Amino acid sequence: MPKRVFSQTFGVVAGLLVKDGKFLLVREARRKGPDHGKWNHPAGWIEVGENPLSGVKREVLEESGYAFEPTHILGIYSLVRSDIAREVGGTPHAIKVVFLGKISENPAGDLHDDVSETRWFTREEIKAMDGSELRDVDIKQMVDDYFEGRAIPLNRLIHTIQT
């Protein structure tokens, strides 16, 4: 895998998992990382050459245990993490593609070792969290975007072109 460099913009895929009006968040478990113990949505880097749809399925399964079938794009978010610039040797700037979709009825796999637990939260609980609890506060915007009906069906946006 190529070395990750934080002086360049990088791609992230994420799933906003919704069930019975609640959102699934995962607790970060990287003990030496700046976000240890904070809540996040299942998300991660797109691997070099990976299709974003495959990437989000992989990340959601690894971090939540749920099989995920993306159906919509909620949005594309630009997130600059200047709060941890000194710790990583650059200013992390992620372009995050956030998907909505269907999840399996029950978890289909074990949690990846960088996640310690999962929990379902209401909109109000997420809105009440701050940067000491949420890994990325853009999750609040995603929840608002979900309730505003901003999602776009994948069949209107995604085309895979292989050369």
C-alpha atoms as a PDB file:
ATOM      1  CA  MET A   1       0.000   0.000   0.000  1.00  0.00           C
ATOM      2  CA  PRO A   2       1.367   3.468  -0.836  1.00  0.00           C
ATOM      3  CA  LYS A   3       2.366   5.648   2.113  1.00  0.00           C
ATOM      4  CA  ARG A   4      -0.387   7.960   3.273  1.00  0.00           C
ATOM      5  CA  VAL A   5       0.639  11.600   3.158  1.00  0.00           C
ATOM      6  CA  PHE A   6      -1.339  14.236   5.011  1.00  0.00           C
ATOM      7  CA  SER A   7      -0.192  17.136   2.868  1.00  0.00           C
ATOM      8  CA  GLN A   8      -2.559  16.037   0.116  1.00  0.00           C
ATOM      9  CA  THR A   9      -6.324  15.651  -0.100  1.00  0.00           C
ATOM     10  CA  PHE A  10      -7.471  12.056   0.310  1.00  0.00           C
ATOM     11  CA  GLY A  11     -10.687  10.151  -0.346  1.00  0.00           C
ATOM     12  CA  VAL A  12     -12.871   8.693   2.371  1.00  0.00           C
ATOM     13  CA  VAL A  13     -16.079   6.674   2.075  1.00  0.00           C
ATOM     14  CA  ALA A  14     -18.633   6.489   4.859  1.00  0.00           C
ATOM     15  CA  GLY A  15     -22.000   4.983   5.610  1.00  0.00           C
ATOM     16  CA  LEU A  16     -24.647   6.820   7.571  1.00  0.00           C
ATOM     17  CA  LEU A  17     -26.582   3.873   8.997  1.00  0.00           C
ATOM     18  CA  VAL A  18     -30.171   4.620   9.990  1.00  0.00           C
ATOM     19  CA  LYS A  19     -32.610   2.279  11.714  1.00  0.00           C
ATOM     20  CA  ASP A  20     -35.856   3.192  13.474  1.00  0.00           C
ATOM     21  CA  GLY A  21     -34.917   6.882  13.386  1.00  0.00           C
ATOM     22  CA  LYS A  22     -31.545   6.318  15.061  1.00  0.00           C
ATOM     23  CA  PHE A  23     -28.002   6.502  13.696  1.00  0.00           C
ATOM     24  CA  LEU A  24     -25.272   3.941  14.316  1.00  0.00           C
ATOM     25  CA  LEU A  25     -21.990   5.361  15.562  1.00  0.00           C
ATOM     26  CA  VAL A  26     -18.790   3.482  16.328  1.00  0.00           C
ATOM     27  CA  ARG A  27     -16.315   4.226  19.119  1.00  0.00           C
ATOM     28  CA  GLU A  28     -12.724   4.710  17.932  1.00  0.00           C
ATOM     29  CA  ALA A  29     -10.261   2.353  19.638  1.00  0.00           C
ATOM     30  CA  ARG A  30      -6.867   3.509  18.339  1.00  0.00           C
ATOM     31  CA  ARG A  31      -5.182   3.937  21.728  1.00  0.00           C
ATOM     32  CA  LYS A  32      -2.314   6.061  20.419  1.00  0.00           C
ATOM     33  CA  GLY A  33      -4.476   8.114  18.058  1.00  0.00           C
ATOM     34  CA  PRO A  34      -5.892  11.568  18.748  1.00  0.00           C
ATOM     35  CA  ASP A  35      -9.470  10.295  18.325  1.00  0.00           C
ATOM     36  CA  HIS A  36      -9.370   7.369  20.765  1.00  0.00           C
ATOM     37  CA  GLY A  37     -12.715   6.990  22.542  1.00  0.00           C
ATOM     38  CA  LYS A  38     -14.611   9.361  20.241  1.00  0.00           C
ATOM     39  CA  TRP A  39     -17.746   8.439  18.306  1.00  0.00           C
ATOM     40  CA  ASN A  40     -17.736   8.324  14.507  1.00  0.00           C
ATOM     41  CA  HIS A  41     -19.783   6.848  11.720  1.00  0.00           C
ATOM     42  CA  PRO A  42     -18.348   3.837   9.860  1.00  0.00           C
ATOM     43  CA  ALA A  43     -15.804   5.419   7.506  1.00  0.00           C
ATOM     44  CA  GLY A  44     -12.359   4.991   6.075  1.00  0.00           C
ATOM     45  CA  TRP A  45      -9.905   5.671   3.282  1.00  0.00           C
ATOM     46  CA  ILE A  46     -10.638   4.464  -0.233  1.00  0.00           C
ATOM     47  CA  GLU A  47      -7.822   2.101  -1.153  1.00  0.00           C
ATOM     48  CA  VAL A  48      -5.850   2.841  -4.315  1.00  0.00           C
ATOM     49  CA  GLY A  49      -7.819   1.427  -7.256  1.00  0.00           C
ATOM     50  CA  GLU A  50     -10.875   0.600  -5.122  1.00  0.00           C
ATOM     51  CA  ASN A  51     -14.380   1.376  -6.320  1.00  0.00           C
ATOM     52  CA  PRO A  52     -16.108   3.698  -3.793  1.00  0.00           C
ATOM     53  CA  LEU A  53     -19.090   1.330  -3.559  1.00  0.00           C
ATOM     54  CA  SER A  54     -16.831  -1.594  -2.683  1.00  0.00           C
ATOM     55  CA  GLY A  55     -14.948   0.612  -0.250  1.00  0.00           C
ATOM     56  CA  VAL A  56     -18.023   1.714   1.680  1.00  0.00           C
ATOM     57  CA  LYS A  57     -19.313  -1.869   1.898  1.00  0.00           C
ATOM     58  CA  ARG A  58     -15.925  -2.951   3.288  1.00  0.00           C
ATOM     59  CA  GLU A  59     -15.651  -0.080   5.774  1.00  0.00           C
ATOM     60  CA  VAL A  60     -19.198  -0.472   7.101  1.00  0.00           C
ATOM     61  CA  LEU A  61     -18.746  -4.220   7.595  1.00  0.00           C
ATOM     62  CA  GLU A  62     -15.337  -3.799   9.275  1.00  0.00           C
ATOM     63  CA  GLU A  63     -16.406  -1.023  11.617  1.00  0.00           C
ATOM     64  CA  SER A  64     -20.044  -1.867  12.385  1.00  0.00           C
ATOM     65  CA  GLY A  65     -20.348  -5.587  11.723  1.00  0.00           C
ATOM     66  CA  TYR A  66     -23.329  -4.950   9.408  1.00  0.00           C
ATOM     67  CA  ALA A  67     -23.464  -5.941   5.748  1.00  0.00           C
ATOM     68  CA  PHE A  68     -24.278  -2.757   3.811  1.00  0.00           C
ATOM     69  CA  GLU A  69     -25.787  -2.205   0.380  1.00  0.00           C
ATOM     70  CA  PRO A  70     -25.464   1.461  -0.648  1.00  0.00           C
ATOM     71  CA  THR A  71     -28.518   2.914  -2.393  1.00  0.00           C
ATOM     72  CA  HIS A  72     -28.018   6.694  -2.200  1.00  0.00           C
ATOM     73  CA  ILE A  73     -25.320   9.319  -1.815  1.00  0.00           C
ATOM     74  CA  LEU A  74     -26.170  11.654   1.028  1.00  0.00           C
ATOM     75  CA  GLY A  75     -23.457  14.123   0.108  1.00  0.00           C
ATOM     76  CA  ILE A  76     -19.821  14.898  -0.511  1.00  0.00           C
ATOM     77  CA  TYR A  77     -18.176  16.649   2.423  1.00  0.00           C
ATOM     78  CA  SER A  78     -14.838  18.442   2.682  1.00  0.00           C
ATOM     79  CA  LEU A  79     -13.287  18.072   6.121  1.00  0.00           C
ATOM     80  CA  VAL A  80     -10.029  19.703   7.205  1.00  0.00           C
ATOM     81  CA  ARG A  81      -8.672  18.433  10.542  1.00  0.00           C
ATOM     82  CA  SER A  82      -6.407  21.304  11.582  1.00  0.00           C
ATOM     83  CA  ASP A  83      -6.861  20.227  15.229  1.00  0.00           C
ATOM     84  CA  ILE A  84      -4.470  17.294  14.752  1.00  0.00           C
ATOM     85  CA  ALA A  85      -2.052  18.799  12.229  1.00  0.00           C
ATOM     86  CA  ARG A  86       0.965  18.630  14.569  1.00  0.00           C
ATOM     87  CA  GLU A  87       0.294  14.998  15.520  1.00  0.00           C
ATOM     88  CA  VAL A  88       0.274  13.687  11.933  1.00  0.00           C
ATOM     89  CA  GLY A  89       2.851  15.936  10.297  1.00  0.00           C
ATOM     90  CA  GLY A  90       0.459  17.787   8.005  1.00  0.00           C
ATOM     91  CA  THR A  91      -3.108  19.035   7.818  1.00  0.00           C
ATOM     92  CA  PRO A  92      -5.479  16.160   7.034  1.00  0.00           C
ATOM     93  CA  HIS A  93      -8.048  17.133   4.386  1.00  0.00           C
ATOM     94  CA  ALA A  94     -10.568  14.451   3.518  1.00  0.00           C
ATOM     95  CA  ILE A  95     -13.099  14.512   0.727  1.00  0.00           C
ATOM     96  CA  LYS A  96     -15.743  12.236   2.212  1.00  0.00           C
ATOM     97  CA  VAL A  97     -18.442  10.562   0.114  1.00  0.00           C
ATOM     98  CA  VAL A  98     -21.261   9.575   2.456  1.00  0.00           C
ATOM     99  CA  PHE A  99     -23.678   6.830   1.450  1.00  0.00           C
ATOM    100  CA  LEU A 100     -27.073   5.725   2.721  1.00  0.00           C
ATOM    101  CA  GLY A 101     -28.278   2.190   2.176  1.00  0.00           C
ATOM    102  CA  LYS A 102     -29.714  -1.015   3.498  1.00  0.00           C
ATOM    103  CA  ILE A 103     -28.082  -2.929   6.338  1.00  0.00           C
ATOM    104  CA  SER A 104     -28.412  -6.549   7.351  1.00  0.00           C
ATOM    105  CA  GLU A 105     -30.975  -7.316  10.045  1.00  0.00           C
ATOM    106  CA  ASN A 106     -28.224  -8.318  12.476  1.00  0.00           C
ATOM    107  CA  PRO A 107     -24.466  -7.794  12.502  1.00  0.00           C
ATOM    108  CA  ALA A 108     -22.874 -10.112   9.938  1.00  0.00           C
ATOM    109  CA  GLY A 109     -19.289  -9.883  11.138  1.00  0.00           C
ATOM    110  CA  ASP A 110     -16.938  -8.966  13.961  1.00  0.00           C
ATOM    111  CA  LEU A 111     -15.771  -5.411  14.602  1.00  0.00           C
ATOM    112  CA  HIS A 112     -12.363  -4.397  13.270  1.00  0.00           C
ATOM    113  CA  ASP A 113      -9.776  -3.864  16.009  1.00  0.00           C
ATOM    114  CA  ASP A 114      -9.883  -0.067  15.640  1.00  0.00           C
ATOM    115  CA  VAL A 115     -13.507  -0.005  16.906  1.00  0.00           C
ATOM    116  CA  SER A 116     -14.395  -0.885  20.506  1.00  0.00           C
ATOM    117  CA  GLU A 117     -18.197  -0.701  20.362  1.00  0.00           C
ATOM    118  CA  THR A 118     -21.237   0.449  18.396  1.00  0.00           C
ATOM    119  CA  ARG A 119     -24.327   2.264  19.607  1.00  0.00           C
ATOM    120  CA  TRP A 120     -27.516   3.719  18.109  1.00  0.00           C
ATOM    121  CA  PHE A 121     -28.072   7.451  18.774  1.00  0.00           C
ATOM    122  CA  THR A 122     -31.006   9.804  18.205  1.00  0.00           C
ATOM    123  CA  ARG A 123     -30.640  13.025  16.226  1.00  0.00           C
ATOM    124  CA  GLU A 124     -30.861  15.009  19.460  1.00  0.00           C
ATOM    125  CA  GLU A 125     -28.103  12.976  21.145  1.00  0.00           C
ATOM    126  CA  ILE A 126     -25.760  13.547  18.198  1.00  0.00           C
ATOM    127  CA  LYS A 127     -26.580  17.259  18.008  1.00  0.00           C
ATOM    128  CA  ALA A 128     -25.684  17.571  21.718  1.00  0.00           C
ATOM    129  CA  MET A 129     -22.174  16.121  21.191  1.00  0.00           C
ATOM    130  CA  ASP A 130     -19.111  18.293  20.698  1.00  0.00           C
ATOM    131  CA  GLY A 131     -15.563  17.742  19.450  1.00  0.00           C
ATOM    132  CA  SER A 132     -14.602  15.964  22.655  1.00  0.00           C
ATOM    133  CA  GLU A 133     -17.184  13.248  21.920  1.00  0.00           C
ATOM    134  CA  LEU A 134     -17.458  13.206  18.116  1.00  0.00           C
ATOM    135  CA  ARG A 135     -14.450  12.405  15.958  1.00  0.00           C
ATOM    136  CA  ASP A 136     -15.757  14.635  13.175  1.00  0.00           C
ATOM    137  CA  VAL A 137     -18.418  17.233  13.930  1.00  0.00           C
ATOM    138  CA  ASP A 138     -19.508  17.092  10.263  1.00  0.00           C
ATOM    139  CA  ILE A 139     -21.636  14.118  11.355  1.00  0.00           C
ATOM    140  CA  LYS A 140     -24.110  16.679  12.724  1.00  0.00           C
ATOM    141  CA  GLN A 141     -24.447  18.188   9.234  1.00  0.00           C
ATOM    142  CA  MET A 142     -24.944  14.722   7.730  1.00  0.00           C
ATOM    143  CA  VAL A 143     -27.770  13.975  10.164  1.00  0.00           C
ATOM    144  CA  ASP A 144     -29.413  17.302   9.255  1.00  0.00           C
ATOM    145  CA  ASP A 145     -28.944  16.556   5.538  1.00  0.00           C
ATOM    146  CA  TYR A 146     -30.600  13.172   6.035  1.00  0.00           C
ATOM    147  CA  PHE A 147     -33.665  14.766   7.625  1.00  0.00           C
ATOM    148  CA  GLU A 148     -33.763  17.415   4.879  1.00  0.00           C
ATOM    149  CA  GLY A 149     -34.027  14.647   2.279  1.00  0.00           C
ATOM    150  CA  ARG A 150     -30.823  15.545   0.400  1.00  0.00           C
ATOM    151  CA  ALA A 151     -29.954  11.980  -0.652  1.00  0.00           C
ATOM    152  CA  ILE A 152     -29.615  11.203  -4.359  1.00  0.00           C
ATOM    153  CA  PRO A 153     -30.193   7.678  -5.731  1.00  0.00           C
ATOM    154  CA  LEU A 154     -26.984   6.000  -6.894  1.00  0.00           C
ATOM    155  CA  ASN A 155     -28.394   5.095 -10.293  1.00  0.00           C
ATOM    156  CA  ARG A 156     -28.472   8.834 -11.086  1.00  0.00           C
ATOM    157  CA  LEU A 157     -24.807   9.389 -10.169  1.00  0.00           C
ATOM    158  CA  ILE A 158     -22.490   6.395 -10.201  1.00  0.00           C
ATOM    159  CA  HIS A 159     -20.898   5.054 -13.335  1.00  0.00           C
ATOM    160  CA  THR A 160     -17.952   2.690 -13.154  1.00  0.00           C
ATOM    161  CA  ILE A 161     -15.543   3.076 -16.034  1.00  0.00           C
ATOM    162  CA  GLN A 162     -12.669   0.657 -16.392  1.00  0.00           C
ATOM    163  CA  THR A 163      -9.918   1.144 -18.958  1.00  0.00           C
END
